[in-house]
N, C-alpha and C. Protein backbone atom coordinates (compact mmCIF):
# COMPACT_ATOMS: atom_id res chain seq x y z
N UNK A 1 6.08 -19.57 -6.89
CA UNK A 1 6.03 -18.91 -5.60
C UNK A 1 4.79 -19.39 -4.86
N UNK A 2 4.97 -19.74 -3.61
CA UNK A 2 3.86 -20.14 -2.76
C UNK A 2 3.87 -19.30 -1.50
N UNK A 3 2.70 -18.88 -1.08
CA UNK A 3 2.55 -18.14 0.17
C UNK A 3 1.85 -19.05 1.16
N UNK A 4 2.48 -19.23 2.31
CA UNK A 4 1.93 -20.07 3.36
C UNK A 4 1.48 -19.16 4.49
N UNK A 5 0.21 -19.22 4.84
CA UNK A 5 -0.31 -18.42 5.94
C UNK A 5 -0.21 -19.22 7.22
N UNK A 6 0.50 -18.67 8.21
CA UNK A 6 0.59 -19.32 9.51
C UNK A 6 -0.42 -18.63 10.43
N UNK A 7 -0.93 -19.37 11.40
CA UNK A 7 -1.98 -18.84 12.26
C UNK A 7 -1.48 -18.31 13.58
N UNK A 8 -0.28 -18.74 13.99
CA UNK A 8 0.28 -18.23 15.23
C UNK A 8 1.80 -18.18 15.14
N UNK A 9 2.36 -17.28 15.92
CA UNK A 9 3.80 -17.13 15.95
C UNK A 9 4.36 -17.93 17.12
N UNK A 10 5.36 -18.72 16.82
CA UNK A 10 6.02 -19.52 17.85
C UNK A 10 7.50 -19.20 17.84
N UNK A 11 8.20 -19.59 18.86
CA UNK A 11 9.62 -19.29 18.98
C UNK A 11 10.47 -19.86 17.87
N UNK A 12 9.99 -20.84 17.14
CA UNK A 12 10.79 -21.47 16.09
C UNK A 12 10.41 -21.01 14.69
N UNK A 13 9.46 -20.10 14.55
CA UNK A 13 9.04 -19.67 13.23
C UNK A 13 10.19 -19.13 12.39
N UNK A 14 11.17 -18.52 13.02
CA UNK A 14 12.29 -17.96 12.26
C UNK A 14 13.15 -19.06 11.63
N UNK A 15 12.99 -20.29 12.09
CA UNK A 15 13.74 -21.40 11.50
C UNK A 15 13.09 -21.91 10.22
N UNK A 16 11.84 -21.54 9.99
CA UNK A 16 11.15 -21.94 8.77
C UNK A 16 11.58 -20.99 7.66
N UNK A 17 12.47 -21.42 6.86
CA UNK A 17 13.02 -20.57 5.81
C UNK A 17 12.10 -20.56 4.60
N UNK A 18 11.99 -19.42 3.98
CA UNK A 18 11.18 -19.27 2.78
C UNK A 18 11.95 -19.60 1.53
N UNK A 19 12.61 -20.74 1.50
CA UNK A 19 13.42 -21.14 0.35
C UNK A 19 12.55 -21.57 -0.83
N UNK A 20 13.14 -21.52 -1.99
CA UNK A 20 12.51 -22.00 -3.23
C UNK A 20 11.15 -21.36 -3.50
N UNK A 21 11.05 -20.08 -3.21
CA UNK A 21 9.83 -19.35 -3.54
C UNK A 21 8.75 -19.39 -2.49
N UNK A 22 9.04 -19.91 -1.30
CA UNK A 22 8.05 -19.92 -0.23
C UNK A 22 8.14 -18.63 0.58
N UNK A 23 7.01 -18.07 0.87
CA UNK A 23 6.92 -16.90 1.74
C UNK A 23 5.91 -17.22 2.83
N UNK A 24 6.25 -16.87 4.05
CA UNK A 24 5.35 -17.10 5.18
C UNK A 24 4.73 -15.77 5.58
N UNK A 25 3.45 -15.81 5.86
CA UNK A 25 2.76 -14.60 6.26
C UNK A 25 1.82 -14.91 7.41
N UNK A 26 1.52 -13.87 8.18
CA UNK A 26 0.51 -13.98 9.23
C UNK A 26 -0.36 -12.74 9.11
N UNK A 27 -1.64 -12.91 9.26
CA UNK A 27 -2.57 -11.79 9.19
C UNK A 27 -2.92 -11.38 10.62
N UNK A 28 -2.64 -10.12 10.94
CA UNK A 28 -2.90 -9.64 12.29
C UNK A 28 -2.98 -8.13 12.27
N UNK A 29 -3.75 -7.58 13.19
CA UNK A 29 -3.77 -6.13 13.34
C UNK A 29 -3.02 -5.71 14.60
N UNK A 30 -2.30 -6.66 15.21
CA UNK A 30 -1.51 -6.40 16.41
C UNK A 30 -0.12 -7.00 16.21
N UNK A 31 0.87 -6.14 16.18
CA UNK A 31 2.23 -6.61 15.92
C UNK A 31 3.03 -6.90 17.19
N UNK A 32 2.41 -6.77 18.35
CA UNK A 32 3.14 -7.00 19.59
C UNK A 32 3.74 -8.41 19.67
N UNK A 33 3.08 -9.39 19.10
CA UNK A 33 3.61 -10.77 19.13
C UNK A 33 4.90 -10.89 18.34
N UNK A 34 5.08 -10.03 17.34
CA UNK A 34 6.32 -10.07 16.55
C UNK A 34 7.53 -9.73 17.40
N UNK A 35 7.34 -8.86 18.37
CA UNK A 35 8.46 -8.42 19.20
C UNK A 35 9.13 -9.58 19.92
N UNK A 36 8.40 -10.65 20.18
CA UNK A 36 8.94 -11.80 20.90
C UNK A 36 9.79 -12.71 20.03
N UNK A 37 9.65 -12.61 18.72
CA UNK A 37 10.40 -13.54 17.85
C UNK A 37 11.43 -12.87 16.97
N UNK A 38 11.42 -11.54 16.90
CA UNK A 38 12.36 -10.82 16.03
C UNK A 38 13.77 -10.95 16.59
N UNK A 39 14.69 -11.35 15.73
CA UNK A 39 16.10 -11.47 16.09
C UNK A 39 16.90 -10.56 15.15
N UNK A 40 18.19 -10.42 15.39
CA UNK A 40 19.00 -9.61 14.47
C UNK A 40 19.04 -10.15 13.05
N UNK A 41 18.61 -11.38 12.83
CA UNK A 41 18.60 -11.94 11.47
C UNK A 41 17.47 -11.37 10.62
N UNK A 42 16.48 -10.77 11.25
CA UNK A 42 15.38 -10.17 10.51
C UNK A 42 15.87 -8.86 9.92
N UNK A 43 15.49 -8.59 8.68
CA UNK A 43 15.94 -7.37 8.02
C UNK A 43 14.79 -6.47 7.63
N UNK A 44 13.81 -7.02 6.93
CA UNK A 44 12.75 -6.20 6.36
C UNK A 44 11.39 -6.70 6.85
N UNK A 45 10.57 -5.76 7.27
CA UNK A 45 9.18 -6.05 7.62
C UNK A 45 8.31 -5.41 6.56
N UNK A 46 7.54 -6.21 5.83
CA UNK A 46 6.61 -5.69 4.84
C UNK A 46 5.23 -5.65 5.46
N UNK A 47 4.50 -4.60 5.18
CA UNK A 47 3.19 -4.44 5.81
C UNK A 47 2.14 -4.00 4.80
N UNK A 48 0.90 -4.17 5.22
CA UNK A 48 -0.25 -3.69 4.46
C UNK A 48 -1.32 -3.31 5.48
N UNK A 49 -1.93 -2.18 5.30
CA UNK A 49 -3.04 -1.79 6.14
C UNK A 49 -2.67 -1.03 7.41
N UNK A 50 -1.40 -0.68 7.56
CA UNK A 50 -0.96 0.10 8.71
C UNK A 50 -0.51 1.47 8.21
N UNK A 51 -0.62 2.45 9.06
CA UNK A 51 -0.12 3.79 8.79
C UNK A 51 1.34 3.86 9.20
N UNK A 52 2.16 4.62 8.48
CA UNK A 52 3.58 4.76 8.83
C UNK A 52 3.76 5.20 10.28
N UNK A 53 2.88 6.05 10.76
CA UNK A 53 2.98 6.56 12.12
C UNK A 53 2.84 5.44 13.15
N UNK A 54 2.11 4.40 12.81
CA UNK A 54 1.92 3.27 13.71
C UNK A 54 3.26 2.66 14.12
N UNK A 55 4.22 2.65 13.22
CA UNK A 55 5.49 1.97 13.48
C UNK A 55 6.42 2.75 14.40
N UNK A 56 6.16 4.03 14.62
CA UNK A 56 6.98 4.80 15.56
C UNK A 56 6.94 4.17 16.94
N UNK A 57 5.75 3.79 17.39
CA UNK A 57 5.59 3.15 18.69
C UNK A 57 6.20 1.75 18.68
N UNK A 58 6.02 1.03 17.60
CA UNK A 58 6.56 -0.31 17.45
C UNK A 58 8.09 -0.30 17.55
N UNK A 59 8.72 0.67 16.92
CA UNK A 59 10.17 0.75 16.91
C UNK A 59 10.76 1.31 18.20
N UNK A 60 9.95 1.98 18.99
CA UNK A 60 10.47 2.59 20.21
C UNK A 60 10.88 1.55 21.25
N UNK A 61 10.57 0.29 21.03
CA UNK A 61 10.91 -0.77 21.97
C UNK A 61 12.32 -1.33 21.74
N UNK A 62 13.12 -0.66 20.92
CA UNK A 62 14.52 -1.04 20.71
C UNK A 62 14.66 -2.49 20.25
N UNK A 63 14.08 -2.79 19.11
CA UNK A 63 14.13 -4.14 18.55
C UNK A 63 15.55 -4.50 18.15
N UNK A 64 15.90 -5.76 18.27
CA UNK A 64 17.24 -6.24 17.90
C UNK A 64 17.38 -6.46 16.40
N UNK A 65 16.31 -6.52 15.68
CA UNK A 65 16.35 -6.72 14.24
C UNK A 65 15.51 -5.66 13.54
N UNK A 66 15.16 -5.89 12.31
CA UNK A 66 14.36 -5.01 11.46
C UNK A 66 15.14 -3.74 11.12
N UNK A 67 15.66 -3.72 9.91
CA UNK A 67 16.37 -2.55 9.42
C UNK A 67 15.50 -1.66 8.53
N UNK A 68 14.43 -2.27 7.99
CA UNK A 68 13.55 -1.51 7.10
C UNK A 68 12.12 -1.97 7.32
N UNK A 69 11.21 -1.03 7.24
CA UNK A 69 9.78 -1.34 7.28
C UNK A 69 9.19 -0.68 6.05
N UNK A 70 8.65 -1.49 5.15
CA UNK A 70 8.18 -0.98 3.86
C UNK A 70 6.82 -1.59 3.52
N UNK A 71 6.03 -0.87 2.72
CA UNK A 71 4.77 -1.45 2.26
C UNK A 71 5.03 -2.66 1.36
N UNK A 72 4.10 -3.59 1.35
CA UNK A 72 4.20 -4.75 0.46
C UNK A 72 4.39 -4.24 -0.97
N UNK A 73 5.27 -4.88 -1.68
CA UNK A 73 5.57 -4.48 -3.05
C UNK A 73 6.81 -3.62 -3.16
N UNK A 74 7.34 -3.17 -2.03
CA UNK A 74 8.53 -2.32 -2.07
C UNK A 74 9.72 -2.96 -1.35
N UNK A 75 9.59 -4.20 -0.95
CA UNK A 75 10.64 -4.83 -0.14
C UNK A 75 11.93 -5.09 -0.91
N UNK A 76 11.89 -5.16 -2.22
CA UNK A 76 13.09 -5.41 -3.00
C UNK A 76 13.70 -4.14 -3.61
N UNK A 77 13.11 -2.99 -3.31
CA UNK A 77 13.65 -1.74 -3.84
C UNK A 77 14.99 -1.44 -3.18
N UNK A 78 15.94 -0.98 -3.97
CA UNK A 78 17.25 -0.58 -3.47
C UNK A 78 17.25 0.92 -3.20
N UNK A 79 18.00 1.29 -2.20
CA UNK A 79 18.19 2.68 -1.87
C UNK A 79 19.61 2.80 -1.33
N UNK A 80 20.09 4.00 -1.11
CA UNK A 80 21.45 4.13 -0.60
C UNK A 80 21.55 3.68 0.86
N UNK A 81 20.41 3.53 1.53
CA UNK A 81 20.40 2.92 2.87
C UNK A 81 19.81 1.52 2.70
N UNK A 82 20.59 0.50 3.08
CA UNK A 82 20.18 -0.89 2.91
C UNK A 82 20.60 -1.69 4.13
N UNK A 83 19.68 -2.45 4.67
CA UNK A 83 19.94 -3.26 5.87
C UNK A 83 20.51 -2.43 7.02
N UNK A 84 20.07 -1.17 7.09
CA UNK A 84 20.48 -0.31 8.18
C UNK A 84 21.81 0.39 7.98
N UNK A 85 22.45 0.20 6.82
CA UNK A 85 23.74 0.82 6.54
C UNK A 85 23.62 1.82 5.40
N UNK A 86 24.31 2.92 5.52
CA UNK A 86 24.37 3.92 4.47
C UNK A 86 25.52 3.54 3.53
N UNK A 87 25.17 3.16 2.30
CA UNK A 87 26.18 2.74 1.33
C UNK A 87 27.26 3.79 1.13
N UNK A 88 26.87 5.06 1.07
CA UNK A 88 27.86 6.12 0.84
C UNK A 88 28.89 6.15 1.95
N UNK A 89 28.43 5.98 3.18
CA UNK A 89 29.37 5.99 4.31
C UNK A 89 30.24 4.74 4.33
N UNK A 90 29.68 3.61 3.94
CA UNK A 90 30.42 2.34 3.99
C UNK A 90 31.39 2.16 2.83
N UNK A 91 31.07 2.71 1.68
CA UNK A 91 31.85 2.42 0.48
C UNK A 91 32.71 3.59 0.01
N UNK A 92 32.72 4.66 0.78
CA UNK A 92 33.56 5.79 0.41
C UNK A 92 34.51 6.12 1.54
N UNK A 93 35.51 6.84 1.20
CA UNK A 93 36.52 7.23 2.19
C UNK A 93 36.64 8.75 2.16
N UNK A 94 36.76 9.32 3.32
CA UNK A 94 36.94 10.76 3.43
C UNK A 94 38.33 11.05 3.94
N UNK A 95 39.04 11.89 3.24
CA UNK A 95 40.36 12.32 3.68
C UNK A 95 40.19 13.72 4.27
N UNK A 96 40.43 13.82 5.54
CA UNK A 96 40.23 15.07 6.26
C UNK A 96 41.56 15.78 6.41
N UNK A 97 41.71 16.91 5.74
CA UNK A 97 42.93 17.70 5.80
C UNK A 97 42.62 19.00 6.53
N UNK A 98 43.41 19.30 7.55
CA UNK A 98 43.16 20.54 8.32
C UNK A 98 44.40 21.38 8.35
C-alpha cells in the first residue's frame, strides 16, 4: 500500500485511480475545494481532525456524491446503510394487506 499526498485539487484528480494499493490524500483544514470536484462516483469521505458537526454545513450544499462520511479507519465498516441505500429496504419485500 502506498499513500500519495497531492498538494492541490484539480478537475482531473478523480481520474487518478487508487488501484493496486494506491491511496491519494490531501491535507487541508478547508473542504470547500472538494465541492468543486465531487461527482456522483464519490462514495466515502474519510476524515481526521474534524468534528462531526462540521459536516452539517458541508452537506447542506446538496453535493452530487458522498454517501458516507466516516473517520479514518472506519471506511470499510459495513452497516445496513451502504452507499446511501438501506439494505433492508432494498433487499426485502413488504406485502401490504388491508
